[in-house]
Amino acid sequence: RYEFTVRVTARGFEGGLDANLISRIVDPSESSFSGWEVATDRSQGFTDDFRIAAIGADVFIVARSFYTPQTFVFRSQDNGRTWNQIASTRSHRDKEFALASDGTHIYKSGGVSDDGSLNSTVWRFDGTVWIRITRDGGFPPRAGHTMLSHGGALYILGGHTSRRESLADVWRSTDGGATWTLQNADAFSARTRFCAVGQGRSIFVLGGRARPGNTAFLRYDVWKSDDDG
């Protein structure tokens, strides 16, 4: 525990403003993850094609049903211990879609339908209702991509086309997913089914597959951008 005083003065003025501050250095294990615990070990009916995102303190899972052409939404209000199904829809039942959250809304983009066609549709979810933001976001239709909310903007990265060709592009939206601008057509080594995360001013792209459906072409590299993609 450290106590100190900070004084601010302005040139041309007499006196100053003092502030007494206290800084406490803690054990890193008290403020970071030092291990994992099981939140629940009970199946909630999730399928093998689902994504997870949060709005405030509520955690949501958006799952494409394996048995019926529907998309289900489950919500947990106790850090994943219990889940309740809150919605189902047939209007956007794509597989291999992407999710992102800006803290107040969840955004869903792209995916592949049962007939194999891909789309560039963007949806927004407020925890209760889905609204289609755009049917054609301007980015090429894709699946297996990653969507990210970072620095007040939404990003769509990589994925694969209907010809199962992997992508390496980055698209950015500053109006909630209505319009998209190409930031970089060849940002990283092309990949699908990978992870991306924002930290500070940086965006990181990690892992994935060089080709969809082929585990012989796994990606083990990590890419970093400090200039909005």
Protein backbone atom coordinates (compact mmCIF):
# COMPACT_ATOMS: atom_id res chain seq x y z
CA ARG A 1 0.00 0.00 0.00
CA TYR A 2 1.43 3.35 -1.08
CA GLU A 3 0.08 6.81 -0.27
CA PHE A 4 1.15 9.86 -2.23
CA THR A 5 -0.03 13.34 -3.23
CA VAL A 6 -0.37 14.67 -6.77
CA ARG A 7 -0.33 18.46 -7.29
CA VAL A 8 -1.52 20.13 -10.51
CA THR A 9 -0.54 23.74 -11.22
CA ALA A 10 -1.34 25.97 -14.18
CA ARG A 11 1.14 28.49 -15.52
CA GLY A 12 0.04 32.05 -14.82
CA PHE A 13 -2.15 31.08 -11.85
CA GLU A 14 -1.31 30.97 -8.18
CA GLY A 15 -1.70 27.92 -6.00
CA GLY A 16 -2.60 24.45 -7.23
CA LEU A 17 -4.90 21.48 -6.84
CA ASP A 18 -3.85 18.63 -4.58
CA ALA A 19 -5.17 15.08 -4.64
CA ASN A 20 -4.27 12.39 -2.11
CA LEU A 21 -4.03 8.99 -3.77
CA ILE A 22 -3.58 5.45 -2.50
CA SER A 23 -2.14 2.63 -4.61
CA ARG A 24 -2.27 -0.99 -3.48
CA ILE A 25 -0.23 -3.69 -5.19
CA VAL A 26 -2.03 -7.02 -5.03
CA ASP A 27 -1.23 -10.62 -5.73
CA PRO A 28 -1.78 -11.12 -9.49
CA SER A 29 -3.86 -14.19 -8.74
CA GLU A 30 -6.40 -11.92 -7.03
CA SER A 31 -7.07 -9.89 -10.18
CA SER A 32 -6.52 -12.37 -13.01
CA PHE A 33 -7.44 -15.92 -13.96
CA SER A 34 -5.09 -18.37 -12.28
CA GLY A 35 -7.27 -21.39 -13.00
CA TRP A 36 -10.57 -22.61 -14.37
CA GLU A 37 -13.61 -24.05 -12.68
CA VAL A 38 -16.65 -25.76 -14.15
CA ALA A 39 -19.62 -23.38 -14.17
CA THR A 40 -22.04 -26.21 -15.01
CA ASP A 41 -21.70 -29.79 -16.17
CA ARG A 42 -25.32 -30.17 -17.21
CA SER A 43 -26.22 -30.23 -20.90
CA GLN A 44 -28.46 -27.34 -21.89
CA GLY A 45 -29.33 -28.60 -25.36
CA PHE A 46 -26.51 -26.72 -27.10
CA THR A 47 -25.47 -28.17 -30.42
CA ASP A 48 -22.06 -28.51 -32.02
CA ASP A 49 -22.52 -25.21 -33.88
CA PHE A 50 -22.94 -22.37 -31.39
CA ARG A 51 -21.33 -19.07 -30.37
CA ILE A 52 -21.20 -17.21 -27.07
CA ALA A 53 -21.41 -13.46 -26.32
CA ALA A 54 -22.52 -11.14 -23.53
CA ILE A 55 -24.77 -8.12 -23.04
CA GLY A 56 -23.86 -6.49 -19.78
CA ALA A 57 -23.74 -9.22 -17.12
CA ASP A 58 -25.95 -11.61 -19.13
CA VAL A 59 -24.27 -14.34 -21.16
CA PHE A 60 -25.97 -15.60 -24.33
CA ILE A 61 -25.44 -18.68 -26.46
CA VAL A 62 -26.74 -18.61 -30.02
CA ALA A 63 -27.01 -22.17 -31.32
CA ARG A 64 -27.98 -23.62 -34.69
CA SER A 65 -30.06 -26.72 -34.05
CA PHE A 66 -28.66 -29.99 -35.37
CA TYR A 67 -32.09 -31.60 -35.69
CA THR A 68 -34.31 -28.79 -37.01
CA PRO A 69 -33.58 -25.73 -39.18
CA GLN A 70 -33.84 -23.31 -36.28
CA THR A 71 -31.60 -21.02 -34.28
CA PHE A 72 -32.02 -21.07 -30.49
CA VAL A 73 -30.90 -18.49 -27.94
CA PHE A 74 -30.06 -19.38 -24.34
CA ARG A 75 -29.32 -16.89 -21.54
CA SER A 76 -27.47 -17.23 -18.27
CA GLN A 77 -27.72 -14.58 -15.54
CA ASP A 78 -25.49 -16.37 -13.02
CA ASN A 79 -22.14 -16.66 -14.81
CA GLY A 80 -23.03 -19.77 -16.77
CA ARG A 81 -24.33 -21.94 -13.94
CA THR A 82 -27.90 -22.13 -15.21
CA TRP A 83 -29.32 -21.48 -18.66
CA ASN A 84 -32.80 -20.70 -19.99
CA GLN A 85 -33.96 -20.81 -23.58
CA ILE A 86 -35.39 -17.39 -24.37
CA ALA A 87 -35.95 -17.43 -28.13
CA SER A 88 -35.94 -19.46 -31.31
CA THR A 89 -36.12 -18.32 -34.91
CA ARG A 90 -36.29 -19.77 -38.40
CA SER A 91 -35.45 -16.48 -40.11
CA HIS A 92 -31.67 -16.79 -39.71
CA ARG A 93 -30.78 -20.42 -39.24
CA ASP A 94 -27.33 -20.43 -40.82
CA LYS A 95 -24.42 -22.56 -39.69
CA GLU A 96 -20.81 -21.37 -39.31
CA PHE A 97 -21.97 -17.82 -38.53
CA ALA A 98 -20.06 -15.26 -36.45
CA LEU A 99 -21.02 -13.27 -33.34
CA ALA A 100 -19.69 -10.10 -31.72
CA SER A 101 -20.85 -7.99 -28.80
CA ASP A 102 -20.30 -4.30 -28.06
CA GLY A 103 -21.65 -4.70 -24.52
CA THR A 104 -25.18 -3.51 -25.32
CA HIS A 105 -26.00 -5.57 -28.43
CA ILE A 106 -24.97 -8.84 -30.02
CA TYR A 107 -24.28 -8.86 -33.76
CA LYS A 108 -24.56 -11.92 -36.01
CA SER A 109 -23.12 -12.09 -39.53
CA GLY A 110 -22.83 -14.43 -42.48
CA GLY A 111 -23.04 -18.20 -42.45
CA VAL A 112 -24.07 -21.06 -44.70
CA SER A 113 -27.65 -22.23 -45.20
CA ASP A 114 -28.93 -25.79 -45.59
CA ASP A 115 -28.67 -25.56 -49.40
CA GLY A 116 -25.00 -24.57 -49.16
CA SER A 117 -25.44 -20.90 -50.09
CA LEU A 118 -23.52 -18.24 -48.15
CA ASN A 119 -24.68 -14.75 -47.21
CA SER A 120 -23.47 -11.37 -45.93
CA THR A 121 -26.50 -10.58 -43.78
CA VAL A 122 -26.00 -8.77 -40.46
CA TRP A 123 -28.42 -9.08 -37.51
CA ARG A 124 -28.55 -7.21 -34.17
CA PHE A 125 -29.91 -8.64 -30.91
CA ASP A 126 -30.76 -6.58 -27.80
CA GLY A 127 -31.37 -9.57 -25.52
CA THR A 128 -35.00 -9.90 -26.58
CA VAL A 129 -35.54 -9.09 -30.27
CA TRP A 130 -33.51 -9.74 -33.43
CA ILE A 131 -33.40 -6.97 -36.06
CA ARG A 132 -31.88 -7.42 -39.50
CA ILE A 133 -29.48 -4.53 -40.05
CA THR A 134 -28.69 -5.36 -43.66
CA ARG A 135 -29.32 -8.19 -46.11
CA ASP A 136 -26.16 -7.35 -48.06
CA GLY A 137 -23.44 -5.81 -45.93
CA GLY A 138 -21.18 -5.14 -48.91
CA PHE A 139 -18.58 -7.72 -47.86
CA PRO A 140 -18.41 -10.99 -49.84
CA PRO A 141 -20.69 -13.75 -48.48
CA ARG A 142 -18.78 -16.06 -46.17
CA ALA A 143 -18.83 -18.64 -43.40
CA GLY A 144 -16.31 -19.78 -40.81
CA HIS A 145 -15.24 -16.17 -40.30
CA THR A 146 -14.68 -14.14 -37.14
CA MET A 147 -16.53 -11.02 -36.03
CA LEU A 148 -15.11 -8.59 -33.49
CA SER A 149 -16.19 -5.42 -31.68
CA HIS A 150 -13.15 -3.24 -31.08
CA GLY A 151 -12.50 0.46 -30.56
CA GLY A 152 -16.10 1.47 -31.23
CA ALA A 153 -16.26 -0.41 -34.56
CA LEU A 154 -17.26 -3.85 -35.79
CA TYR A 155 -14.85 -6.04 -37.75
CA ILE A 156 -15.32 -9.07 -39.99
CA LEU A 157 -12.19 -11.10 -40.68
CA GLY A 158 -11.40 -14.05 -42.94
CA GLY A 159 -13.53 -17.17 -43.29
CA HIS A 160 -14.22 -19.06 -46.51
CA THR A 161 -16.25 -18.64 -49.69
CA SER A 162 -18.86 -20.91 -51.28
CA ARG A 163 -16.00 -22.48 -53.24
CA ARG A 164 -14.38 -23.29 -49.90
CA GLU A 165 -11.51 -20.90 -50.57
CA SER A 166 -10.11 -19.32 -47.41
CA LEU A 167 -10.05 -15.54 -47.03
CA ALA A 168 -7.53 -13.11 -45.54
CA ASP A 169 -9.49 -9.86 -45.67
CA VAL A 170 -10.61 -7.40 -42.96
CA TRP A 171 -13.84 -5.36 -43.15
CA ARG A 172 -14.86 -2.56 -40.77
CA SER A 173 -18.18 -0.94 -39.88
CA THR A 174 -18.61 2.23 -37.84
CA ASP A 175 -22.42 2.42 -38.11
CA GLY A 176 -23.48 -0.70 -36.25
CA GLY A 177 -23.09 -3.13 -39.13
CA ALA A 178 -25.16 -1.30 -41.76
CA THR A 179 -22.25 -0.54 -44.12
CA TRP A 180 -18.79 -2.07 -44.37
CA THR A 181 -15.46 -0.82 -45.70
CA LEU A 182 -12.58 -3.01 -46.81
CA GLN A 183 -9.60 -2.30 -44.57
CA ASN A 184 -7.18 -4.86 -45.95
CA ALA A 185 -7.64 -7.46 -48.69
CA ASP A 186 -4.63 -9.54 -47.64
CA ALA A 187 -4.11 -8.88 -43.95
CA PHE A 188 -2.83 -12.28 -42.78
CA SER A 189 -2.37 -15.80 -44.09
CA ALA A 190 -5.80 -16.93 -45.31
CA ARG A 191 -7.79 -18.97 -42.80
CA THR A 192 -11.18 -20.10 -41.57
CA ARG A 193 -12.55 -21.18 -38.18
CA PHE A 194 -10.05 -19.11 -36.22
CA CYS A 195 -10.03 -16.71 -33.25
CA ALA A 196 -9.56 -12.94 -33.08
CA VAL A 197 -9.39 -10.65 -30.06
CA GLY A 198 -8.88 -6.95 -29.42
CA GLN A 199 -6.52 -5.72 -26.72
CA GLY A 200 -5.76 -2.05 -26.26
CA ARG A 201 -5.23 -0.63 -29.75
CA SER A 202 -4.28 -4.01 -31.21
CA ILE A 203 -6.18 -6.79 -32.95
CA PHE A 204 -4.80 -10.33 -32.80
CA VAL A 205 -5.62 -13.19 -35.18
CA LEU A 206 -4.83 -16.69 -33.94
CA GLY A 207 -4.88 -20.22 -35.33
CA GLY A 208 -7.61 -21.76 -37.46
CA ARG A 209 -7.53 -23.81 -40.63
CA ALA A 210 -5.89 -22.92 -43.91
CA ARG A 211 -8.67 -24.78 -45.70
CA PRO A 212 -12.19 -25.52 -44.44
CA GLY A 213 -12.86 -29.05 -43.27
CA ASN A 214 -9.24 -30.17 -43.52
CA THR A 215 -7.38 -30.66 -40.25
CA ALA A 216 -4.16 -31.39 -42.15
CA PHE A 217 -3.84 -27.67 -42.86
CA LEU A 218 -4.00 -26.14 -39.40
CA ARG A 219 -2.70 -22.64 -38.70
CA TYR A 220 -0.41 -22.16 -35.72
CA ASP A 221 0.61 -18.54 -36.32
CA VAL A 222 -0.45 -15.31 -34.60
CA TRP A 223 -0.89 -11.98 -36.40
CA LYS A 224 -1.16 -8.49 -34.88
CA SER A 225 -2.48 -5.18 -36.22
CA ASP A 226 -2.11 -1.79 -34.57
CA ASP A 227 -3.85 0.28 -37.26
CA ASP A 228 -7.52 -0.85 -37.36
CA GLY A 229 -6.75 -3.91 -39.47
